[in-house]
C-alpha atoms as a PDB file:
ATOM      1  CA  UNK A   1      -2.853 -37.806 -55.275  1.00  0.00           C
ATOM      2  CA  UNK A   2      -5.780 -36.063 -53.660  1.00  0.00           C
ATOM      3  CA  UNK A   3      -5.325 -35.293 -49.962  1.00  0.00           C
ATOM      4  CA  UNK A   4      -7.602 -34.381 -47.103  1.00  0.00           C
ATOM      5  CA  UNK A   5      -6.821 -32.655 -43.838  1.00  0.00           C
ATOM      6  CA  UNK A   6      -7.975 -34.057 -40.528  1.00  0.00           C
ATOM      7  CA  UNK A   7      -8.117 -32.402 -37.157  1.00  0.00           C
ATOM      8  CA  UNK A   8      -5.377 -33.766 -34.901  1.00  0.00           C
ATOM      9  CA  UNK A   9      -7.714 -36.113 -33.035  1.00  0.00           C
ATOM     10  CA  UNK A  10      -9.729 -37.287 -36.077  1.00  0.00           C
ATOM     11  CA  UNK A  11      -7.020 -39.469 -37.585  1.00  0.00           C
ATOM     12  CA  UNK A  12      -7.513 -42.063 -34.828  1.00  0.00           C
ATOM     13  CA  UNK A  13     -11.053 -42.649 -36.110  1.00  0.00           C
ATOM     14  CA  UNK A  14      -9.568 -44.343 -39.192  1.00  0.00           C
ATOM     15  CA  UNK A  15      -8.062 -47.706 -38.158  1.00  0.00           C
ATOM     16  CA  UNK A  16      -6.160 -48.045 -41.447  1.00  0.00           C
ATOM     17  CA  UNK A  17      -4.074 -44.973 -40.562  1.00  0.00           C
ATOM     18  CA  UNK A  18      -3.151 -46.265 -37.112  1.00  0.00           C
ATOM     19  CA  UNK A  19      -2.274 -49.707 -38.554  1.00  0.00           C
ATOM     20  CA  UNK A  20      -0.123 -48.189 -41.308  1.00  0.00           C
ATOM     21  CA  UNK A  21       1.721 -45.946 -38.866  1.00  0.00           C
ATOM     22  CA  UNK A  22       2.303 -48.781 -36.400  1.00  0.00           C
ATOM     23  CA  UNK A  23       3.527 -51.120 -39.156  1.00  0.00           C
ATOM     24  CA  UNK A  24       5.984 -48.593 -40.537  1.00  0.00           C
ATOM     25  CA  UNK A  25       7.311 -47.557 -37.120  1.00  0.00           C
ATOM     26  CA  UNK A  26       7.799 -51.086 -35.831  1.00  0.00           C
ATOM     27  CA  UNK A  27       9.278 -52.620 -38.985  1.00  0.00           C
ATOM     28  CA  UNK A  28      10.981 -49.983 -41.091  1.00  0.00           C
ATOM     29  CA  UNK A  29      10.824 -46.615 -39.422  1.00  0.00           C
ATOM     30  CA  UNK A  30       9.158 -43.387 -40.414  1.00  0.00           C
ATOM     31  CA  UNK A  31      10.508 -40.029 -41.500  1.00  0.00           C
ATOM     32  CA  UNK A  32      10.677 -36.799 -39.609  1.00  0.00           C
ATOM     33  CA  UNK A  33      11.515 -33.687 -41.580  1.00  0.00           C
ATOM     34  CA  UNK A  34      12.507 -30.148 -40.716  1.00  0.00           C
ATOM     35  CA  UNK A  35      13.992 -27.198 -42.564  1.00  0.00           C
ATOM     36  CA  UNK A  36      17.684 -26.437 -42.341  1.00  0.00           C
ATOM     37  CA  UNK A  37      19.172 -22.930 -42.143  1.00  0.00           C
ATOM     38  CA  UNK A  38      19.161 -22.653 -45.955  1.00  0.00           C
ATOM     39  CA  UNK A  39      15.438 -23.510 -46.113  1.00  0.00           C
ATOM     40  CA  UNK A  40      16.106 -27.019 -47.464  1.00  0.00           C
ATOM     41  CA  UNK A  41      13.883 -29.846 -46.186  1.00  0.00           C
ATOM     42  CA  UNK A  42      15.892 -32.526 -44.424  1.00  0.00           C
ATOM     43  CA  UNK A  43      14.186 -35.899 -43.795  1.00  0.00           C
ATOM     44  CA  UNK A  44      15.589 -38.383 -41.273  1.00  0.00           C
ATOM     45  CA  UNK A  45      14.481 -41.931 -40.489  1.00  0.00           C
ATOM     46  CA  UNK A  46      13.434 -42.661 -36.915  1.00  0.00           C
ATOM     47  CA  UNK A  47      12.520 -45.946 -35.312  1.00  0.00           C
ATOM     48  CA  UNK A  48      11.497 -44.516 -31.954  1.00  0.00           C
ATOM     49  CA  UNK A  49       8.508 -42.282 -31.482  1.00  0.00           C
ATOM     50  CA  UNK A  50       5.345 -42.157 -29.433  1.00  0.00           C
ATOM     51  CA  UNK A  51       1.940 -40.705 -30.160  1.00  0.00           C
ATOM     52  CA  UNK A  52      -0.253 -39.911 -27.192  1.00  0.00           C
ATOM     53  CA  UNK A  53      -2.161 -37.326 -25.248  1.00  0.00           C
ATOM     54  CA  UNK A  54      -0.167 -35.045 -22.961  1.00  0.00           C
ATOM     55  CA  UNK A  55      -1.441 -31.789 -21.486  1.00  0.00           C
ATOM     56  CA  UNK A  56      -4.786 -32.625 -23.104  1.00  0.00           C
ATOM     57  CA  UNK A  57      -3.168 -32.245 -26.522  1.00  0.00           C
ATOM     58  CA  UNK A  58      -2.236 -34.748 -29.236  1.00  0.00           C
ATOM     59  CA  UNK A  59       1.553 -35.074 -28.978  1.00  0.00           C
ATOM     60  CA  UNK A  60       4.085 -36.925 -31.113  1.00  0.00           C
ATOM     61  CA  UNK A  61       7.285 -37.466 -29.139  1.00  0.00           C
ATOM     62  CA  UNK A  62      10.561 -38.069 -30.976  1.00  0.00           C
ATOM     63  CA  UNK A  63      14.158 -38.608 -29.893  1.00  0.00           C
ATOM     64  CA  UNK A  64      17.019 -37.015 -31.834  1.00  0.00           C
ATOM     65  CA  UNK A  65      20.723 -37.183 -31.017  1.00  0.00           C
ATOM     66  CA  UNK A  66      22.635 -33.859 -30.916  1.00  0.00           C
ATOM     67  CA  UNK A  67      25.112 -35.253 -33.450  1.00  0.00           C
ATOM     68  CA  UNK A  68      22.387 -35.526 -36.101  1.00  0.00           C
ATOM     69  CA  UNK A  69      21.821 -32.776 -38.625  1.00  0.00           C
ATOM     70  CA  UNK A  70      18.081 -32.976 -37.914  1.00  0.00           C
ATOM     71  CA  UNK A  71      18.805 -31.850 -34.356  1.00  0.00           C
ATOM     72  CA  UNK A  72      20.140 -28.517 -35.683  1.00  0.00           C
ATOM     73  CA  UNK A  73      17.128 -28.189 -37.984  1.00  0.00           C
ATOM     74  CA  UNK A  74      14.524 -28.729 -35.263  1.00  0.00           C
ATOM     75  CA  UNK A  75      16.408 -26.458 -32.874  1.00  0.00           C
ATOM     76  CA  UNK A  76      16.256 -23.700 -35.511  1.00  0.00           C
ATOM     77  CA  UNK A  77      12.624 -24.135 -36.625  1.00  0.00           C
ATOM     78  CA  UNK A  78      10.929 -25.422 -33.481  1.00  0.00           C
ATOM     79  CA  UNK A  79       8.828 -27.752 -35.617  1.00  0.00           C
ATOM     80  CA  UNK A  80       8.895 -30.939 -37.671  1.00  0.00           C
ATOM     81  CA  UNK A  81       6.673 -33.143 -39.779  1.00  0.00           C
ATOM     82  CA  UNK A  82       6.150 -36.855 -39.252  1.00  0.00           C
ATOM     83  CA  UNK A  83       5.880 -38.576 -42.632  1.00  0.00           C
ATOM     84  CA  UNK A  84       4.681 -42.153 -43.058  1.00  0.00           C
ATOM     85  CA  UNK A  85       6.135 -43.323 -46.343  1.00  0.00           C
ATOM     86  CA  UNK A  86       4.393 -45.741 -48.707  1.00  0.00           C
ATOM     87  CA  UNK A  87       5.164 -49.415 -48.067  1.00  0.00           C
ATOM     88  CA  UNK A  88       6.684 -49.807 -51.531  1.00  0.00           C
ATOM     89  CA  UNK A  89       9.341 -47.130 -50.941  1.00  0.00           C
ATOM     90  CA  UNK A  90      11.699 -48.844 -48.504  1.00  0.00           C
ATOM     91  CA  UNK A  91      14.518 -47.020 -50.318  1.00  0.00           C
ATOM     92  CA  UNK A  92      13.412 -43.748 -48.699  1.00  0.00           C
ATOM     93  CA  UNK A  93      13.827 -44.931 -45.101  1.00  0.00           C
ATOM     94  CA  UNK A  94      17.037 -46.783 -45.924  1.00  0.00           C
ATOM     95  CA  UNK A  95      18.633 -43.733 -47.558  1.00  0.00           C
ATOM     96  CA  UNK A  96      17.402 -41.200 -45.004  1.00  0.00           C
ATOM     97  CA  UNK A  97      18.564 -43.454 -42.175  1.00  0.00           C
ATOM     98  CA  UNK A  98      22.146 -43.735 -43.428  1.00  0.00           C
ATOM     99  CA  UNK A  99      22.951 -40.481 -45.248  1.00  0.00           C
ATOM    100  CA  UNK A 100      23.413 -37.124 -43.515  1.00  0.00           C
ATOM    101  CA  UNK A 101      21.664 -33.972 -44.677  1.00  0.00           C
ATOM    102  CA  UNK A 102      24.862 -32.093 -43.867  1.00  0.00           C
ATOM    103  CA  UNK A 103      26.427 -33.641 -46.955  1.00  0.00           C
ATOM    104  CA  UNK A 104      23.444 -34.492 -49.164  1.00  0.00           C
ATOM    105  CA  UNK A 105      20.194 -32.969 -50.363  1.00  0.00           C
ATOM    106  CA  UNK A 106      18.142 -36.072 -49.635  1.00  0.00           C
ATOM    107  CA  UNK A 107      14.940 -34.678 -51.132  1.00  0.00           C
ATOM    108  CA  UNK A 108      16.641 -34.007 -54.461  1.00  0.00           C
ATOM    109  CA  UNK A 109      18.605 -37.240 -54.546  1.00  0.00           C
ATOM    110  CA  UNK A 110      15.469 -39.309 -53.856  1.00  0.00           C
ATOM    111  CA  UNK A 111      13.386 -37.116 -56.204  1.00  0.00           C
ATOM    112  CA  UNK A 112      10.927 -36.303 -53.431  1.00  0.00           C
ATOM    113  CA  UNK A 113       8.624 -33.295 -53.376  1.00  0.00           C
ATOM    114  CA  UNK A 114       8.002 -31.022 -50.404  1.00  0.00           C
ATOM    115  CA  UNK A 115       4.376 -30.353 -49.516  1.00  0.00           C
ATOM    116  CA  UNK A 116       3.781 -27.014 -47.747  1.00  0.00           C
ATOM    117  CA  UNK A 117       2.382 -27.304 -44.249  1.00  0.00           C
ATOM    118  CA  UNK A 118      -0.610 -25.270 -43.137  1.00  0.00           C
ATOM    119  CA  UNK A 119       0.417 -24.618 -39.507  1.00  0.00           C
ATOM    120  CA  UNK A 120       4.231 -24.840 -39.292  1.00  0.00           C
ATOM    121  CA  UNK A 121       7.237 -23.776 -41.336  1.00  0.00           C
ATOM    122  CA  UNK A 122       8.595 -27.249 -42.138  1.00  0.00           C
ATOM    123  CA  UNK A 123       6.911 -28.932 -45.117  1.00  0.00           C
ATOM    124  CA  UNK A 124       5.888 -32.539 -45.354  1.00  0.00           C
ATOM    125  CA  UNK A 125       6.909 -35.008 -48.054  1.00  0.00           C
ATOM    126  CA  UNK A 126       4.262 -35.211 -50.789  1.00  0.00           C
ATOM    127  CA  UNK A 127       5.019 -38.849 -51.618  1.00  0.00           C
ATOM    128  CA  UNK A 128       4.118 -39.894 -48.067  1.00  0.00           C
ATOM    129  CA  UNK A 129       0.446 -40.789 -47.649  1.00  0.00           C
ATOM    130  CA  UNK A 130       0.254 -39.628 -44.014  1.00  0.00           C
ATOM    131  CA  UNK A 131       1.816 -36.394 -42.714  1.00  0.00           C
ATOM    132  CA  UNK A 132       1.596 -34.959 -39.195  1.00  0.00           C
ATOM    133  CA  UNK A 133       2.518 -31.295 -38.642  1.00  0.00           C
ATOM    134  CA  UNK A 134       4.090 -30.886 -35.210  1.00  0.00           C
ATOM    135  CA  UNK A 135       5.087 -27.779 -33.272  1.00  0.00           C
ATOM    136  CA  UNK A 136       7.590 -28.339 -30.453  1.00  0.00           C
ATOM    137  CA  UNK A 137       5.862 -27.441 -27.187  1.00  0.00           C
ATOM    138  CA  UNK A 138       8.508 -28.895 -24.882  1.00  0.00           C
ATOM    139  CA  UNK A 139      11.896 -30.534 -25.011  1.00  0.00           C
ATOM    140  CA  UNK A 140      14.134 -32.265 -22.536  1.00  0.00           C
ATOM    141  CA  UNK A 141      17.336 -34.245 -22.593  1.00  0.00           C
ATOM    142  CA  UNK A 142      17.912 -37.829 -21.564  1.00  0.00           C
ATOM    143  CA  UNK A 143      19.562 -37.757 -18.128  1.00  0.00           C
ATOM    144  CA  UNK A 144      22.421 -40.297 -18.252  1.00  0.00           C
ATOM    145  CA  UNK A 145      22.648 -40.983 -14.485  1.00  0.00           C
ATOM    146  CA  UNK A 146      18.940 -41.860 -14.472  1.00  0.00           C
ATOM    147  CA  UNK A 147      19.299 -44.592 -17.117  1.00  0.00           C
ATOM    148  CA  UNK A 148      19.980 -48.229 -16.246  1.00  0.00           C
ATOM    149  CA  UNK A 149      23.480 -49.352 -17.261  1.00  0.00           C
ATOM    150  CA  UNK A 150      21.958 -51.908 -19.650  1.00  0.00           C
ATOM    151  CA  UNK A 151      20.322 -49.115 -21.685  1.00  0.00           C
ATOM    152  CA  UNK A 152      23.397 -46.868 -21.572  1.00  0.00           C
ATOM    153  CA  UNK A 153      25.726 -49.653 -22.717  1.00  0.00           C
ATOM    154  CA  UNK A 154      23.399 -50.840 -25.490  1.00  0.00           C
ATOM    155  CA  UNK A 155      22.165 -47.534 -26.907  1.00  0.00           C
ATOM    156  CA  UNK A 156      24.747 -44.971 -25.803  1.00  0.00           C
ATOM    157  CA  UNK A 157      28.182 -46.599 -25.875  1.00  0.00           C
ATOM    158  CA  UNK A 158      29.641 -43.355 -27.322  1.00  0.00           C
ATOM    159  CA  UNK A 159      27.519 -40.978 -25.248  1.00  0.00           C
ATOM    160  CA  UNK A 160      25.491 -38.758 -27.618  1.00  0.00           C
ATOM    161  CA  UNK A 161      22.324 -38.946 -25.531  1.00  0.00           C
ATOM    162  CA  UNK A 162      19.046 -38.015 -27.198  1.00  0.00           C
ATOM    163  CA  UNK A 163      17.063 -34.837 -26.898  1.00  0.00           C
ATOM    164  CA  UNK A 164      13.349 -35.588 -26.554  1.00  0.00           C
ATOM    165  CA  UNK A 165      10.981 -33.332 -28.475  1.00  0.00           C
ATOM    166  CA  UNK A 166       7.282 -33.133 -27.657  1.00  0.00           C
ATOM    167  CA  UNK A 167       5.547 -32.021 -30.848  1.00  0.00           C
ATOM    168  CA  UNK A 168       1.926 -30.946 -30.633  1.00  0.00           C
ATOM    169  CA  UNK A 169       0.098 -32.304 -33.668  1.00  0.00           C
ATOM    170  CA  UNK A 170      -1.546 -29.298 -35.311  1.00  0.00           C
ATOM    171  CA  UNK A 171      -2.679 -30.907 -38.555  1.00  0.00           C
ATOM    172  CA  UNK A 172      -2.819 -34.288 -40.254  1.00  0.00           C
ATOM    173  CA  UNK A 173      -2.770 -34.610 -44.034  1.00  0.00           C
ATOM    174  CA  UNK A 174      -3.807 -37.943 -45.527  1.00  0.00           C
ATOM    175  CA  UNK A 175      -4.163 -39.279 -49.049  1.00  0.00           C
ATOM    176  CA  UNK A 176      -7.884 -39.776 -49.620  1.00  0.00           C
ATOM    177  CA  UNK A 177      -7.308 -43.343 -50.831  1.00  0.00           C
ATOM    178  CA  UNK A 178      -6.217 -44.321 -47.309  1.00  0.00           C
ATOM    179  CA  UNK A 179      -9.427 -42.990 -45.812  1.00  0.00           C
ATOM    180  CA  UNK A 180     -11.497 -44.868 -48.382  1.00  0.00           C
ATOM    181  CA  UNK A 181      -9.872 -48.153 -47.298  1.00  0.00           C
ATOM    182  CA  UNK A 182     -10.975 -47.787 -43.673  1.00  0.00           C
END
């Protein structure tokens, strides 16, 4: 598929992109991907993430638990891609949300193709129509004593509190067909 690159703030000018991203995040999840120590791309499904403007920059904020393999990948690379998969590939988010990259080469097993990024080391996933390239500009950890008990008991019964990564969006790659729909 033919792709086009948008400046980080231009993607919001295309309502179809925002609707697709919102739909995937709220119903099925989206994929973040980062390279592991062997240079292998490891995608992971997330259901929590926020896009916004912080420090006058476009930022995609994600939460990753230290027990996840993706945590090690992002710690090593300092970057990640956000990949919005096509609606007809629910199998991707299901697999990447239940299988660990420590034990599986998810890209190979799902027959996915990496797409080199232009501004960061971690590639995107070519089969995904929307890809954000994000460089970590800040990180922080959830502070357990600051959380209400209701959140701790529901989301952290075993501990394993998230690290929060603030990724500055440096580039957005979109399949041209999505732009033509808007």
